[in-house]
Amino acid sequence: MEFNPIFFFVSIFGLTLIFNIPLARLKVPPIIGYILTGAVVSNLLPIDHHQLEMVAEVGIVLLMFLIGLEFSIEKMVRMKREVFLFGTLEMAGVGLFFGAILAVATTLPLKVAPIIGGAIA
């Protein structure tokens, strides 16, 4: 079967609705429905790796657009402690944690492990 982008995107949006409407009633964040949709689409629809990568990039752009719609400077100022202090501490802690695990469990150099740990964080 040849890749039909219209069928593919209609299928994705339909599956997203099928997952997210019941999850919204249960007050589950929509990102869970998006993850479920991605898992189903990647395993059930006939698509090769390159096409799936292109669709994933479109999904990331749409997700960033939605985040941008909800972003406001006033909200950021109100949450400055949570965003800047705790966000920085969380990223540093998780990055160092995974960096230490990678340094011990693999043969990665000590200069590389924290960088990969930071990427995982």
PDB file of N, CA and C in Angstrom:
ATOM      1  N   MET A   1       0.838  -1.182   0.000  1.00  0.00           N
ATOM      2  CA  MET A   1       0.000   0.000   0.000  1.00  0.00           C
ATOM      3  C   MET A   1       0.882   1.244   0.000  1.00  0.00           C
ATOM      4  N   GLU A   2       0.585   2.168  -0.880  1.00  0.00           N
ATOM      5  CA  GLU A   2       1.367   3.386  -0.994  1.00  0.00           C
ATOM      6  C   GLU A   2       0.985   4.378   0.111  1.00  0.00           C
ATOM      7  N   PHE A   3       1.957   5.174   0.534  1.00  0.00           N
ATOM      8  CA  PHE A   3       1.735   6.167   1.585  1.00  0.00           C
ATOM      9  C   PHE A   3       0.833   7.275   1.063  1.00  0.00           C
ATOM     10  N   ASN A   4      -0.306   7.451   1.717  1.00  0.00           N
ATOM     11  CA  ASN A   4      -1.251   8.505   1.368  1.00  0.00           C
ATOM     12  C   ASN A   4      -1.289   9.479   2.537  1.00  0.00           C
ATOM     13  N   PRO A   5      -0.704  10.674   2.394  1.00  0.00           N
ATOM     14  CA  PRO A   5      -0.608  11.580   3.538  1.00  0.00           C
ATOM     15  C   PRO A   5      -1.964  12.029   4.076  1.00  0.00           C
ATOM     16  N   ILE A   6      -2.945  12.211   3.214  1.00  0.00           N
ATOM     17  CA  ILE A   6      -4.265  12.647   3.687  1.00  0.00           C
ATOM     18  C   ILE A   6      -4.891  11.565   4.554  1.00  0.00           C
ATOM     19  N   PHE A   7      -4.869  10.315   4.080  1.00  0.00           N
ATOM     20  CA  PHE A   7      -5.396   9.201   4.878  1.00  0.00           C
ATOM     21  C   PHE A   7      -4.646   9.082   6.193  1.00  0.00           C
ATOM     22  N   PHE A   8      -3.342   9.263   6.117  1.00  0.00           N
ATOM     23  CA  PHE A   8      -2.520   9.114   7.305  1.00  0.00           C
ATOM     24  C   PHE A   8      -2.865  10.156   8.359  1.00  0.00           C
ATOM     25  N   PHE A   9      -2.931  11.433   7.969  1.00  0.00           N
ATOM     26  CA  PHE A   9      -3.225  12.488   8.942  1.00  0.00           C
ATOM     27  C   PHE A   9      -4.661  12.408   9.449  1.00  0.00           C
ATOM     28  N   VAL A  10      -5.599  12.032   8.605  1.00  0.00           N
ATOM     29  CA  VAL A  10      -6.983  11.842   9.070  1.00  0.00           C
ATOM     30  C   VAL A  10      -7.033  10.697  10.076  1.00  0.00           C
ATOM     31  N   SER A  11      -6.283   9.641   9.824  1.00  0.00           N
ATOM     32  CA  SER A  11      -6.222   8.512  10.760  1.00  0.00           C
ATOM     33  C   SER A  11      -5.628   8.949  12.098  1.00  0.00           C
ATOM     34  N   ILE A  12      -4.563   9.726  12.045  1.00  0.00           N
ATOM     35  CA  ILE A  12      -3.929  10.195  13.273  1.00  0.00           C
ATOM     36  C   ILE A  12      -4.888  11.063  14.079  1.00  0.00           C
ATOM     37  N   PHE A  13      -5.531  12.018  13.405  1.00  0.00           N
ATOM     38  CA  PHE A  13      -6.443  12.904  14.130  1.00  0.00           C
ATOM     39  C   PHE A  13      -7.650  12.136  14.664  1.00  0.00           C
ATOM     40  N   GLY A  14      -8.137  11.162  13.904  1.00  0.00           N
ATOM     41  CA  GLY A  14      -9.248  10.339  14.387  1.00  0.00           C
ATOM     42  C   GLY A  14      -8.870   9.530  15.607  1.00  0.00           C
ATOM     43  N   LEU A  15      -7.703   8.898  15.561  1.00  0.00           N
ATOM     44  CA  LEU A  15      -7.237   8.135  16.720  1.00  0.00           C
ATOM     45  C   LEU A  15      -6.997   9.037  17.926  1.00  0.00           C
ATOM     46  N   THR A  16      -6.492  10.233  17.668  1.00  0.00           N
ATOM     47  CA  THR A  16      -6.275  11.174  18.765  1.00  0.00           C
ATOM     48  C   THR A  16      -7.589  11.506  19.452  1.00  0.00           C
ATOM     49  N   LEU A  17      -8.632  11.740  18.659  1.00  0.00           N
ATOM     50  CA  LEU A  17      -9.948  12.006  19.248  1.00  0.00           C
ATOM     51  C   LEU A  17     -10.472  10.800  20.007  1.00  0.00           C
ATOM     52  N   ILE A  18     -10.307   9.614  19.431  1.00  0.00           N
ATOM     53  CA  ILE A  18     -10.793   8.399  20.085  1.00  0.00           C
ATOM     54  C   ILE A  18     -10.128   8.209  21.443  1.00  0.00           C
ATOM     55  N   PHE A  19      -8.843   8.519  21.537  1.00  0.00           N
ATOM     56  CA  PHE A  19      -8.141   8.365  22.814  1.00  0.00           C
ATOM     57  C   PHE A  19      -8.411   9.528  23.767  1.00  0.00           C
ATOM     58  N   ASN A  20      -8.409  10.762  23.251  1.00  0.00           N
ATOM     59  CA  ASN A  20      -8.440  11.915  24.139  1.00  0.00           C
ATOM     60  C   ASN A  20      -9.817  12.275  24.672  1.00  0.00           C
ATOM     61  N   ILE A  21     -10.885  11.957  23.981  1.00  0.00           N
ATOM     62  CA  ILE A  21     -12.215  12.292  24.508  1.00  0.00           C
ATOM     63  C   ILE A  21     -12.495  11.519  25.795  1.00  0.00           C
ATOM     64  N   PRO A  22     -12.327  10.186  25.821  1.00  0.00           N
ATOM     65  CA  PRO A  22     -12.543   9.488  27.099  1.00  0.00           C
ATOM     66  C   PRO A  22     -11.530   9.887  28.178  1.00  0.00           C
ATOM     67  N   LEU A  23     -10.279  10.122  27.778  1.00  0.00           N
ATOM     68  CA  LEU A  23      -9.269  10.515  28.758  1.00  0.00           C
ATOM     69  C   LEU A  23      -9.578  11.891  29.350  1.00  0.00           C
ATOM     70  N   ALA A  24     -10.140  12.787  28.550  1.00  0.00           N
ATOM     71  CA  ALA A  24     -10.501  14.109  29.060  1.00  0.00           C
ATOM     72  C   ALA A  24     -11.598  14.001  30.112  1.00  0.00           C
ATOM     73  N   ARG A  25     -12.524  13.073  29.914  1.00  0.00           N
ATOM     74  CA  ARG A  25     -13.587  12.868  30.908  1.00  0.00           C
ATOM     75  C   ARG A  25     -13.015  12.327  32.218  1.00  0.00           C
ATOM     76  N   LEU A  26     -11.909  11.600  32.125  1.00  0.00           N
ATOM     77  CA  LEU A  26     -11.243  11.076  33.321  1.00  0.00           C
ATOM     78  C   LEU A  26     -10.208  12.054  33.878  1.00  0.00           C
ATOM     79  N   LYS A  27     -10.134  13.239  33.268  1.00  0.00           N
ATOM     80  CA  LYS A  27      -9.199  14.296  33.678  1.00  0.00           C
ATOM     81  C   LYS A  27      -7.727  13.865  33.545  1.00  0.00           C
ATOM     82  N   VAL A  28      -7.446  13.077  32.511  1.00  0.00           N
ATOM     83  CA  VAL A  28      -6.083  12.665  32.196  1.00  0.00           C
ATOM     84  C   VAL A  28      -5.523  13.669  31.184  1.00  0.00           C
ATOM     85  N   PRO A  29      -4.274  14.118  31.344  1.00  0.00           N
ATOM     86  CA  PRO A  29      -3.710  15.100  30.405  1.00  0.00           C
ATOM     87  C   PRO A  29      -3.714  14.585  28.964  1.00  0.00           C
ATOM     88  N   PRO A  30      -3.920  15.471  27.995  1.00  0.00           N
ATOM     89  CA  PRO A  30      -3.990  15.054  26.591  1.00  0.00           C
ATOM     90  C   PRO A  30      -2.702  14.432  26.072  1.00  0.00           C
ATOM     91  N   ILE A  31      -1.564  14.743  26.672  1.00  0.00           N
ATOM     92  CA  ILE A  31      -0.296  14.189  26.185  1.00  0.00           C
ATOM     93  C   ILE A  31      -0.306  12.659  26.248  1.00  0.00           C
ATOM     94  N   ILE A  32      -1.033  12.100  27.217  1.00  0.00           N
ATOM     95  CA  ILE A  32      -1.136  10.637  27.316  1.00  0.00           C
ATOM     96  C   ILE A  32      -1.847  10.084  26.078  1.00  0.00           C
ATOM     97  N   GLY A  33      -2.906  10.751  25.660  1.00  0.00           N
ATOM     98  CA  GLY A  33      -3.610  10.333  24.438  1.00  0.00           C
ATOM     99  C   GLY A  33      -2.737  10.457  23.213  1.00  0.00           C
ATOM    100  N   TYR A  34      -1.907  11.503  23.151  1.00  0.00           N
ATOM    101  CA  TYR A  34      -1.001  11.665  22.016  1.00  0.00           C
ATOM    102  C   TYR A  34       0.040  10.548  21.988  1.00  0.00           C
ATOM    103  N   ILE A  35       0.538  10.171  23.156  1.00  0.00           N
ATOM    104  CA  ILE A  35       1.516   9.082  23.223  1.00  0.00           C
ATOM    105  C   ILE A  35       0.874   7.766  22.782  1.00  0.00           C
ATOM    106  N   LEU A  36      -0.344   7.508  23.258  1.00  0.00           N
ATOM    107  CA  LEU A  36      -1.049   6.297  22.837  1.00  0.00           C
ATOM    108  C   LEU A  36      -1.291   6.293  21.329  1.00  0.00           C
ATOM    109  N   THR A  37      -1.681   7.437  20.794  1.00  0.00           N
ATOM    110  CA  THR A  37      -1.896   7.543  19.352  1.00  0.00           C
ATOM    111  C   THR A  37      -0.611   7.237  18.595  1.00  0.00           C
ATOM    112  N   GLY A  38       0.498   7.808  19.038  1.00  0.00           N
ATOM    113  CA  GLY A  38       1.772   7.548  18.375  1.00  0.00           C
ATOM    114  C   GLY A  38       2.166   6.083  18.416  1.00  0.00           C
ATOM    115  N   ALA A  39       1.909   5.434  19.551  1.00  0.00           N
ATOM    116  CA  ALA A  39       2.240   4.010  19.662  1.00  0.00           C
ATOM    117  C   ALA A  39       1.392   3.173  18.716  1.00  0.00           C
ATOM    118  N   VAL A  40       0.109   3.476  18.632  1.00  0.00           N
ATOM    119  CA  VAL A  40      -0.786   2.718  17.748  1.00  0.00           C
ATOM    120  C   VAL A  40      -0.426   2.972  16.291  1.00  0.00           C
ATOM    121  N   VAL A  41      -0.235   4.242  15.937  1.00  0.00           N
ATOM    122  CA  VAL A  41       0.058   4.591  14.548  1.00  0.00           C
ATOM    123  C   VAL A  41       1.365   3.961  14.086  1.00  0.00           C
ATOM    124  N   SER A  42       2.395   4.021  14.913  1.00  0.00           N
ATOM    125  CA  SER A  42       3.691   3.489  14.491  1.00  0.00           C
ATOM    126  C   SER A  42       3.675   1.980  14.329  1.00  0.00           C
ATOM    127  N   ASN A  43       2.743   1.295  15.008  1.00  0.00           N
ATOM    128  CA  ASN A  43       2.709  -0.161  14.912  1.00  0.00           C
ATOM    129  C   ASN A  43       1.660  -0.704  13.945  1.00  0.00           C
ATOM    130  N   LEU A  44       0.597   0.043  13.679  1.00  0.00           N
ATOM    131  CA  LEU A  44      -0.487  -0.499  12.871  1.00  0.00           C
ATOM    132  C   LEU A  44      -0.550   0.018  11.443  1.00  0.00           C
ATOM    133  N   LEU A  45      -0.190   1.266  11.226  1.00  0.00           N
ATOM    134  CA  LEU A  45      -0.294   1.818   9.876  1.00  0.00           C
ATOM    135  C   LEU A  45       0.961   1.516   9.074  1.00  0.00           C
ATOM    136  N   PRO A  46       0.784   1.263   7.771  1.00  0.00           N
ATOM    137  CA  PRO A  46       1.943   0.932   6.929  1.00  0.00           C
ATOM    138  C   PRO A  46       2.747   2.196   6.603  1.00  0.00           C
ATOM    139  N   ILE A  47       3.809   2.394   7.332  1.00  0.00           N
ATOM    140  CA  ILE A  47       4.637   3.582   7.138  1.00  0.00           C
ATOM    141  C   ILE A  47       6.089   3.216   7.408  1.00  0.00           C
ATOM    142  N   ASP A  48       6.980   3.768   6.585  1.00  0.00           N
ATOM    143  CA  ASP A  48       8.393   3.466   6.817  1.00  0.00           C
ATOM    144  C   ASP A  48       9.000   4.487   7.782  1.00  0.00           C
ATOM    145  N   HIS A  49      10.228   4.252   8.133  1.00  0.00           N
ATOM    146  CA  HIS A  49      10.902   5.056   9.166  1.00  0.00           C
ATOM    147  C   HIS A  49      10.987   6.530   8.781  1.00  0.00           C
ATOM    148  N   HIS A  50      11.334   6.814   7.545  1.00  0.00           N
ATOM    149  CA  HIS A  50      11.486   8.206   7.112  1.00  0.00           C
ATOM    150  C   HIS A  50      10.165   8.963   7.187  1.00  0.00           C
ATOM    151  N   GLN A  51       9.088   8.338   6.721  1.00  0.00           N
ATOM    152  CA  GLN A  51       7.780   8.981   6.772  1.00  0.00           C
ATOM    153  C   GLN A  51       7.326   9.190   8.214  1.00  0.00           C
ATOM    154  N   LEU A  52       7.584   8.212   9.068  1.00  0.00           N
ATOM    155  CA  LEU A  52       7.225   8.340  10.479  1.00  0.00           C
ATOM    156  C   LEU A  52       8.006   9.479  11.135  1.00  0.00           C
ATOM    157  N   GLU A  53       9.257   9.634  10.763  1.00  0.00           N
ATOM    158  CA  GLU A  53      10.077  10.717  11.291  1.00  0.00           C
ATOM    159  C   GLU A  53       9.517  12.074  10.874  1.00  0.00           C
ATOM    160  N   MET A  54       9.062  12.191   9.626  1.00  0.00           N
ATOM    161  CA  MET A  54       8.481  13.443   9.156  1.00  0.00           C
ATOM    162  C   MET A  54       7.188  13.766   9.906  1.00  0.00           C
ATOM    163  N   VAL A  55       6.365  12.761  10.134  1.00  0.00           N
ATOM    164  CA  VAL A  55       5.118  12.965  10.866  1.00  0.00           C
ATOM    165  C   VAL A  55       5.411  13.349  12.314  1.00  0.00           C
ATOM    166  N   ALA A  56       6.432  12.750  12.911  1.00  0.00           N
ATOM    167  CA  ALA A  56       6.810  13.091  14.284  1.00  0.00           C
ATOM    168  C   ALA A  56       7.258  14.548  14.371  1.00  0.00           C
ATOM    169  N   GLU A  57       7.977  15.028  13.370  1.00  0.00           N
ATOM    170  CA  GLU A  57       8.391  16.429  13.368  1.00  0.00           C
ATOM    171  C   GLU A  57       7.185  17.356  13.294  1.00  0.00           C
ATOM    172  N   VAL A  58       6.186  17.000  12.490  1.00  0.00           N
ATOM    173  CA  VAL A  58       4.962  17.802  12.430  1.00  0.00           C
ATOM    174  C   VAL A  58       4.285  17.803  13.796  1.00  0.00           C
ATOM    175  N   GLY A  59       4.253  16.661  14.455  1.00  0.00           N
ATOM    176  CA  GLY A  59       3.655  16.567  15.786  1.00  0.00           C
ATOM    177  C   GLY A  59       4.368  17.438  16.798  1.00  0.00           C
ATOM    178  N   ILE A  60       5.681  17.478  16.736  1.00  0.00           N
ATOM    179  CA  ILE A  60       6.446  18.316  17.659  1.00  0.00           C
ATOM    180  C   ILE A  60       6.160  19.785  17.403  1.00  0.00           C
ATOM    181  N   VAL A  61       6.065  20.174  16.140  1.00  0.00           N
ATOM    182  CA  VAL A  61       5.751  21.569  15.814  1.00  0.00           C
ATOM    183  C   VAL A  61       4.364  21.931  16.347  1.00  0.00           C
ATOM    184  N   LEU A  62       3.383  21.049  16.162  1.00  0.00           N
ATOM    185  CA  LEU A  62       2.036  21.322  16.671  1.00  0.00           C
ATOM    186  C   LEU A  62       2.019  21.392  18.199  1.00  0.00           C
ATOM    187  N   LEU A  63       2.769  20.529  18.853  1.00  0.00           N
ATOM    188  CA  LEU A  63       2.831  20.559  20.308  1.00  0.00           C
ATOM    189  C   LEU A  63       3.470  21.855  20.803  1.00  0.00           C
ATOM    190  N   MET A  64       4.535  22.291  20.145  1.00  0.00           N
ATOM    191  CA  MET A  64       5.161  23.555  20.525  1.00  0.00           C
ATOM    192  C   MET A  64       4.211  24.729  20.284  1.00  0.00           C
ATOM    193  N   PHE A  65       3.410  24.653  19.229  1.00  0.00           N
ATOM    194  CA  PHE A  65       2.417  25.690  18.964  1.00  0.00           C
ATOM    195  C   PHE A  65       1.399  25.757  20.091  1.00  0.00           C
ATOM    196  N   LEU A  66       0.928  24.586  20.542  1.00  0.00           N
ATOM    197  CA  LEU A  66      -0.043  24.566  21.641  1.00  0.00           C
ATOM    198  C   LEU A  66       0.566  25.110  22.932  1.00  0.00           C
ATOM    199  N   ILE A  67       1.801  24.778  23.203  1.00  0.00           N
ATOM    200  CA  ILE A  67       2.473  25.311  24.388  1.00  0.00           C
ATOM    201  C   ILE A  67       2.588  26.826  24.273  1.00  0.00           C
ATOM    202  N   GLY A  68       2.905  27.319  23.090  1.00  0.00           N
ATOM    203  CA  GLY A  68       3.001  28.757  22.876  1.00  0.00           C
ATOM    204  C   GLY A  68       1.675  29.469  23.080  1.00  0.00           C
ATOM    205  N   LEU A  69       0.576  28.808  22.734  1.00  0.00           N
ATOM    206  CA  LEU A  69      -0.734  29.414  22.951  1.00  0.00           C
ATOM    207  C   LEU A  69      -1.043  29.584  24.434  1.00  0.00           C
ATOM    208  N   GLU A  70      -0.559  28.674  25.253  1.00  0.00           N
ATOM    209  CA  GLU A  70      -0.838  28.727  26.685  1.00  0.00           C
ATOM    210  C   GLU A  70       0.192  29.553  27.458  1.00  0.00           C
ATOM    211  N   PHE A  71       1.253  29.982  26.812  1.00  0.00           N
ATOM    212  CA  PHE A  71       2.334  30.711  27.478  1.00  0.00           C
ATOM    213  C   PHE A  71       1.945  32.169  27.677  1.00  0.00           C
ATOM    214  N   SER A  72       2.209  32.678  28.859  1.00  0.00           N
ATOM    215  CA  SER A  72       2.035  34.104  29.099  1.00  0.00           C
ATOM    216  C   SER A  72       3.140  34.562  30.049  1.00  0.00           C
ATOM    217  N   ILE A  73       3.588  35.775  29.828  1.00  0.00           N
ATOM    218  CA  ILE A  73       4.653  36.337  30.657  1.00  0.00           C
ATOM    219  C   ILE A  73       4.177  36.475  32.110  1.00  0.00           C
ATOM    220  N   GLU A  74       2.919  36.878  32.296  1.00  0.00           N
ATOM    221  CA  GLU A  74       2.389  37.046  33.652  1.00  0.00           C
ATOM    222  C   GLU A  74       2.418  35.729  34.424  1.00  0.00           C
ATOM    223  N   LYS A  75       2.041  34.661  33.754  1.00  0.00           N
ATOM    224  CA  LYS A  75       2.058  33.347  34.396  1.00  0.00           C
ATOM    225  C   LYS A  75       3.489  32.937  34.745  1.00  0.00           C
ATOM    226  N   MET A  76       4.430  33.235  33.854  1.00  0.00           N
ATOM    227  CA  MET A  76       5.831  32.900  34.104  1.00  0.00           C
ATOM    228  C   MET A  76       6.360  33.691  35.295  1.00  0.00           C
ATOM    229  N   VAL A  77       5.998  34.974  35.400  1.00  0.00           N
ATOM    230  CA  VAL A  77       6.464  35.800  36.512  1.00  0.00           C
ATOM    231  C   VAL A  77       5.891  35.280  37.822  1.00  0.00           C
ATOM    232  N   ARG A  78       4.614  34.878  37.814  1.00  0.00           N
ATOM    233  CA  ARG A  78       4.011  34.329  39.029  1.00  0.00           C
ATOM    234  C   ARG A  78       4.679  33.027  39.453  1.00  0.00           C
ATOM    235  N   MET A  79       5.152  32.262  38.489  1.00  0.00           N
ATOM    236  CA  MET A  79       5.731  30.949  38.786  1.00  0.00           C
ATOM    237  C   MET A  79       7.253  30.966  38.702  1.00  0.00           C
ATOM    238  N   LYS A  80       7.878  32.130  38.848  1.00  0.00           N
ATOM    239  CA  LYS A  80       9.325  32.213  38.629  1.00  0.00           C
ATOM    240  C   LYS A  80      10.118  31.288  39.538  1.00  0.00           C
ATOM    241  N   ARG A  81       9.682  31.123  40.778  1.00  0.00           N
ATOM    242  CA  ARG A  81      10.410  30.231  41.680  1.00  0.00           C
ATOM    243  C   ARG A  81      10.340  28.788  41.182  1.00  0.00           C
ATOM    244  N   GLU A  82       9.134  28.339  40.829  1.00  0.00           N
ATOM    245  CA  GLU A  82       8.973  26.965  40.354  1.00  0.00           C
ATOM    246  C   GLU A  82       9.709  26.741  39.039  1.00  0.00           C
ATOM    247  N   VAL A  83       9.580  27.711  38.131  1.00  0.00           N
ATOM    248  CA  VAL A  83      10.170  27.531  36.803  1.00  0.00           C
ATOM    249  C   VAL A  83      11.686  27.597  36.861  1.00  0.00           C
ATOM    250  N   PHE A  84      12.212  28.657  37.440  1.00  0.00           N
ATOM    251  CA  PHE A  84      13.652  28.870  37.363  1.00  0.00           C
ATOM    252  C   PHE A  84      14.426  28.105  38.428  1.00  0.00           C
ATOM    253  N   LEU A  85      13.993  28.133  39.666  1.00  0.00           N
ATOM    254  CA  LEU A  85      14.737  27.456  40.726  1.00  0.00           C
ATOM    255  C   LEU A  85      14.542  25.945  40.657  1.00  0.00           C
ATOM    256  N   PHE A  86      13.286  25.506  40.788  1.00  0.00           N
ATOM    257  CA  PHE A  86      13.042  24.062  40.832  1.00  0.00           C
ATOM    258  C   PHE A  86      13.277  23.394  39.480  1.00  0.00           C
ATOM    259  N   GLY A  87      12.994  24.110  38.392  1.00  0.00           N
ATOM    260  CA  GLY A  87      13.267  23.554  37.066  1.00  0.00           C
ATOM    261  C   GLY A  87      14.748  23.326  36.847  1.00  0.00           C
ATOM    262  N   THR A  88      15.549  24.304  37.249  1.00  0.00           N
ATOM    263  CA  THR A  88      17.000  24.163  37.117  1.00  0.00           C
ATOM    264  C   THR A  88      17.530  23.042  38.008  1.00  0.00           C
ATOM    265  N   LEU A  89      17.050  22.999  39.256  1.00  0.00           N
ATOM    266  CA  LEU A  89      17.485  21.930  40.165  1.00  0.00           C
ATOM    267  C   LEU A  89      17.089  20.549  39.649  1.00  0.00           C
ATOM    268  N   GLU A  90      15.872  20.450  39.109  1.00  0.00           N
ATOM    269  CA  GLU A  90      15.431  19.153  38.585  1.00  0.00           C
ATOM    270  C   GLU A  90      16.279  18.721  37.394  1.00  0.00           C
ATOM    271  N   MET A  91      16.510  19.624  36.468  1.00  0.00           N
ATOM    272  CA  MET A  91      17.316  19.274  35.294  1.00  0.00           C
ATOM    273  C   MET A  91      18.744  18.888  35.699  1.00  0.00           C
ATOM    274  N   ALA A  92      19.331  19.644  36.611  1.00  0.00           N
ATOM    275  CA  ALA A  92      20.694  19.344  37.049  1.00  0.00           C
ATOM    276  C   ALA A  92      20.748  18.007  37.786  1.00  0.00           C
ATOM    277  N   GLY A  93      19.795  17.794  38.684  1.00  0.00           N
ATOM    278  CA  GLY A  93      19.782  16.542  39.451  1.00  0.00           C
ATOM    279  C   GLY A  93      19.572  15.320  38.584  1.00  0.00           C
ATOM    280  N   VAL A  94      18.579  15.381  37.701  1.00  0.00           N
ATOM    281  CA  VAL A  94      18.301  14.238  36.826  1.00  0.00           C
ATOM    282  C   VAL A  94      19.445  14.026  35.849  1.00  0.00           C
ATOM    283  N   GLY A  95      20.008  15.108  35.313  1.00  0.00           N
ATOM    284  CA  GLY A  95      21.139  14.982  34.395  1.00  0.00           C
ATOM    285  C   GLY A  95      22.352  14.355  35.053  1.00  0.00           C
ATOM    286  N   LEU A  96      22.666  14.801  36.269  1.00  0.00           N
ATOM    287  CA  LEU A  96      23.800  14.211  36.987  1.00  0.00           C
ATOM    288  C   LEU A  96      23.531  12.758  37.369  1.00  0.00           C
ATOM    289  N   PHE A  97      22.289  12.459  37.743  1.00  0.00           N
ATOM    290  CA  PHE A  97      21.930  11.092  38.103  1.00  0.00           C
ATOM    291  C   PHE A  97      22.144  10.144  36.924  1.00  0.00           C
ATOM    292  N   PHE A  98      21.568  10.496  35.774  1.00  0.00           N
ATOM    293  CA  PHE A  98      21.728   9.634  34.599  1.00  0.00           C
ATOM    294  C   PHE A  98      23.162   9.652  34.084  1.00  0.00           C
ATOM    295  N   GLY A  99      23.842  10.793  34.217  1.00  0.00           N
ATOM    296  CA  GLY A  99      25.247  10.850  33.832  1.00  0.00           C
ATOM    297  C   GLY A  99      26.094   9.909  34.674  1.00  0.00           C
ATOM    298  N   ALA A 100      25.823   9.863  35.988  1.00  0.00           N
ATOM    299  CA  ALA A 100      26.568   8.956  36.868  1.00  0.00           C
ATOM    300  C   ALA A 100      26.274   7.501  36.525  1.00  0.00           C
ATOM    301  N   ILE A 101      24.996   7.193  36.254  1.00  0.00           N
ATOM    302  CA  ILE A 101      24.644   5.814  35.870  1.00  0.00           C
ATOM    303  C   ILE A 101      25.359   5.426  34.584  1.00  0.00           C
ATOM    304  N   LEU A 102      25.359   6.319  33.604  1.00  0.00           N
ATOM    305  CA  LEU A 102      26.035   6.024  32.337  1.00  0.00           C
ATOM    306  C   LEU A 102      27.545   5.882  32.517  1.00  0.00           C
ATOM    307  N   ALA A 103      28.129   6.709  33.371  1.00  0.00           N
ATOM    308  CA  ALA A 103      29.579   6.635  33.593  1.00  0.00           C
ATOM    309  C   ALA A 103      29.970   5.321  34.249  1.00  0.00           C
ATOM    310  N   VAL A 104      29.119   4.834  35.159  1.00  0.00           N
ATOM    311  CA  VAL A 104      29.427   3.589  35.872  1.00  0.00           C
ATOM    312  C   VAL A 104      29.079   2.361  35.026  1.00  0.00           C
ATOM    313  N   ALA A 105      27.921   2.402  34.351  1.00  0.00           N
ATOM    314  CA  ALA A 105      27.416   1.216  33.658  1.00  0.00           C
ATOM    315  C   ALA A 105      28.004   1.023  32.266  1.00  0.00           C
ATOM    316  N   THR A 106      28.569   2.072  31.682  1.00  0.00           N
ATOM    317  CA  THR A 106      29.124   1.944  30.333  1.00  0.00           C
ATOM    318  C   THR A 106      30.581   2.372  30.336  1.00  0.00           C
ATOM    319  N   THR A 107      31.165   2.345  29.174  1.00  0.00           N
ATOM    320  CA  THR A 107      32.564   2.764  29.044  1.00  0.00           C
ATOM    321  C   THR A 107      32.678   4.193  28.532  1.00  0.00           C
ATOM    322  N   LEU A 108      31.612   4.987  28.708  1.00  0.00           N
ATOM    323  CA  LEU A 108      31.650   6.378  28.264  1.00  0.00           C
ATOM    324  C   LEU A 108      32.657   7.170  29.099  1.00  0.00           C
ATOM    325  N   PRO A 109      33.375   8.082  28.465  1.00  0.00           N
ATOM    326  CA  PRO A 109      34.293   8.944  29.221  1.00  0.00           C
ATOM    327  C   PRO A 109      33.509   9.854  30.169  1.00  0.00           C
ATOM    328  N   LEU A 110      34.156  10.283  31.244  1.00  0.00           N
ATOM    329  CA  LEU A 110      33.499  11.139  32.232  1.00  0.00           C
ATOM    330  C   LEU A 110      33.081  12.489  31.665  1.00  0.00           C
ATOM    331  N   LYS A 111      33.694  12.921  30.583  1.00  0.00           N
ATOM    332  CA  LYS A 111      33.299  14.177  29.955  1.00  0.00           C
ATOM    333  C   LYS A 111      32.009  14.022  29.144  1.00  0.00           C
ATOM    334  N   VAL A 112      31.745  12.831  28.656  1.00  0.00           N
ATOM    335  CA  VAL A 112      30.597  12.601  27.766  1.00  0.00           C
ATOM    336  C   VAL A 112      29.344  12.204  28.556  1.00  0.00           C
ATOM    337  N   ALA A 113      29.516  11.441  29.614  1.00  0.00           N
ATOM    338  CA  ALA A 113      28.361  10.907  30.363  1.00  0.00           C
ATOM    339  C   ALA A 113      27.434  11.991  30.891  1.00  0.00           C
ATOM    340  N   PRO A 114      27.941  13.075  31.523  1.00  0.00           N
ATOM    341  CA  PRO A 114      27.005  14.109  31.985  1.00  0.00           C
ATOM    342  C   PRO A 114      26.276  14.827  30.858  1.00  0.00           C
ATOM    343  N   ILE A 115      26.888  14.933  29.706  1.00  0.00           N
ATOM    344  CA  ILE A 115      26.227  15.573  28.558  1.00  0.00           C
ATOM    345  C   ILE A 115      25.056  14.730  28.098  1.00  0.00           C
ATOM    346  N   ILE A 116      25.260  13.419  28.005  1.00  0.00           N
ATOM    347  CA  ILE A 116      24.174  12.531  27.626  1.00  0.00           C
ATOM    348  C   ILE A 116      23.126  12.487  28.735  1.00  0.00           C
ATOM    349  N   GLY A 117      23.559  12.529  29.985  1.00  0.00           N
ATOM    350  CA  GLY A 117      22.612  12.597  31.107  1.00  0.00           C
ATOM    351  C   GLY A 117      21.754  13.846  31.040  1.00  0.00           C
ATOM    352  N   GLY A 118      22.357  14.965  30.671  1.00  0.00           N
ATOM    353  CA  GLY A 118      21.604  16.203  30.497  1.00  0.00           C
ATOM    354  C   GLY A 118      20.610  16.111  29.360  1.00  0.00           C
ATOM    355  N   ALA A 119      20.984  15.425  28.279  1.00  0.00           N
ATOM    356  CA  ALA A 119      20.054  15.236  27.162  1.00  0.00           C
ATOM    357  C   ALA A 119      18.880  14.347  27.572  1.00  0.00           C
ATOM    358  N   ILE A 120      19.142  13.343  28.387  1.00  0.00           N
ATOM    359  CA  ILE A 120      18.073  12.480  28.876  1.00  0.00           C
ATOM    360  C   ILE A 120      17.152  13.275  29.791  1.00  0.00           C
ATOM    361  N   ALA A 121      17.736  14.132  30.619  1.00  0.00           N
ATOM    362  CA  ALA A 121      16.921  14.948  31.535  1.00  0.00           C
ATOM    363  C   ALA A 121      16.011  15.855  30.742  1.00  0.00           C
TER     364      ALA A 121
END
